[in-house]
Amino acid sequence: TVQTGDYESHRAALPPRDYFTDEIRRQLSRNFGEEEFFGGGLTIRATVDPELQVVAAHSLQKALEDRDRSSGSWRGTGKTVDPASIDDGTWEDALGKVRVARNVTLGGQWFVAVVDQIGDNQMSLKIEGQPEPTPWVVPRKDISWMKGSFRDNFSRGDVVHVRRMTSGDNGAGDFIRWTLRQVPEVQGGFMAMDVNTGRVLALQGGFSYQNSVFNRATPAKRQPGSSFKPFVYASALDSGFTPASIIVDAPIEIDTGAGIWRPQNASRQFYGPTPLRTGIEHSRNLMTVRLAQEVGMEVVAAYAERFGVYDHLDPFLANALGSAETTLFRMVAAYAMFANGGERVEPTLVDRVQDRWGRTIYRHDNRICDTCSTEQLPEGEGPRITANRERIMDAITAYQLTSMMQGVVQRGTAAGRVHLGVPTAGKTGTTNGSKDAWFIGFTSNVVAGCYIGYDRPRRMPGASGGGTCGPVFQRFMTEAVKKYGGGKFKLPPGGHFIKIDRFSGARLPDSASGDYVVAEYFRNGEEPVFGVMFDGGFAMGSNLPLYLPGQDTTTAGAGTEVQTSTGEVVVVPERATSGTVAAGGLY
């Protein structure tokens, strides 16, 4: 029997408990009840792609380890064994009782070890499960990244992690020496899903489940920062704006009731009238706030709620810059709806659940296959699937936004960090003080997102969405594209392309070419309007009435006729001479 050890339990073939399986337990326990989940004999078919799950774990772990090592601080495991156990030979029994992560395979299997002898130029170790033909040692050069010497950072009996350094990748090749490792203090989450079905392909909620079971991809709420901005731009595109609309990038002061709020761009600079596309490509805060004011934060909040980013979002302008907390799980699911053309998709970790008698009691995919019963399909034609999904976003708006987010990858805040060889769109996010770093991106088939930050938020010097999370996305999606491919984003009917100067927003002839040229997709009957600037209703120097010396203020002279963002045609007087407001005042 299994109980007597004659046969191996079927449990040995089951996946180990990790962030993915634990999230399944959490969700199904909520849906079916814990008694039914644990005692109902259920068979669960998960959506996980085992190969990509490993890639996701290693991609996130690599970024967390790199960030941790940049601090130069050694913390170790914080665990010790009695040094006397090393002398009497019982150290391995003592080490086996220490609870530390033993499931990390980043760069090869991590082993648990205990510090034995400490010298100036090397430190000897006792390594769990490893024979001792000669003492295992770590040389001085292995700790060159940390502050201080061996004696400053280690004591006899300290429990540490080590892995083999080899001539090949991931532990392959010839053995060189042992190298010290530590579980990072900084944490993060990663999630990837199919943009059309909602099947979650990979989910990693931290560096190691054995070290910390808290899942930072699902329940953890963090500020999304600039990764929220696409929802502001999407609401604007659905409100009559185009990628070529001009938004004024200039200083703003907002009375919040608790004081004056002066948002700034990350560069601390102002860029004047700028096309909408540039605002998202370079993540301009001032343009985003003006745009949210022009469209209305109530509209932006309703948009974010419709996409499931929030259950309720207060219509405060600061929330346009991603100051309200949400989860990585919600953000990735929302981005999937940009990728699939604006149709609602619900993320799921479970394809199907069957009871003890084999009856299906839950199935996520309720799409209808219209031709699956046909004995023979025409050559080159696959089964026709009807989704009947709710449309929550205009298809042309989704395409315009996706095109603008492709610019983020090509020449914006993620340029040089993401390059997959297939059409890719995405958005970086970095919160104030670099406390949270985000990147969420997608191809035509797969969306993936990363968040990195300390559990108790604090500054990460030098961190940014593109630089910190971009490499995680790049490593994972490189493998995902090999398996799931990636093609052009679907072009919806009802529009046409017009070439635009991406620096000024001006229309260009069809023959124009060059780095400054971008082909924007406009709705049929819609043309770029050059010369109209949107300032969000904030007071600006250009809005002030200016008069020439001695001019009759009741009858302004000849001026320039312009159209405001509300459609009103007004006459702007001639520029005033020096000594007036136009000259910046008297110094």
Foldseek 3Di string as FASTA:
>chain_A
DCVVPPDPDPVVVPDDDAQLVVVVLVVVCVVPNNCCVVPFAKDFDFLADVVLQVLLLLLQLVLLQVLQLQVQADDFPPDFFPLVCVVVVNVLVRQVVDQDDQPDQHQHGKWKWFWAADDQFKTWIGTHPDDPPDTAIDGQVLSPSHPDTCVVRDDGGGIFIKDFDAPDTRNDHHTDGIHTDHFGQWWKWKWKAWLPAQRTHYIHQTNTCSHPVDRQQPPNKDQQFLQLQLLLVLLLVVVPAFQLAWAFFDWFWDCPVVGIDTDAAPVNDTDTIAGNLVCQLAVGLQRQLLSCLQSDLVSSQVSCCLLVQDVGDDSDSVCSRRPGIGHNQSSQQSVSCLLQQQFHHHHDRTQFMAGNVRHTPDGRQPWDFPCPPPPDDPPPDDTDIHRPTDGSGHSLSSVQSQVSQLSSDPPGPQDPLADQPARKGWGWRADPLRQKTKIWMDFNTMIMMMMIHRPPTDHSPPDYNNVSVSNSCRSSVNVVCVPPNGHDRDDDPQWDWFKAQNGQSHTDDPPDDDPRIDITIDGVVDDRDHQEYRHSPGDDPQPDQDAEPPDDPVDADAADWGAYPVRDIDGHGDDYDPQDVSPVHDD
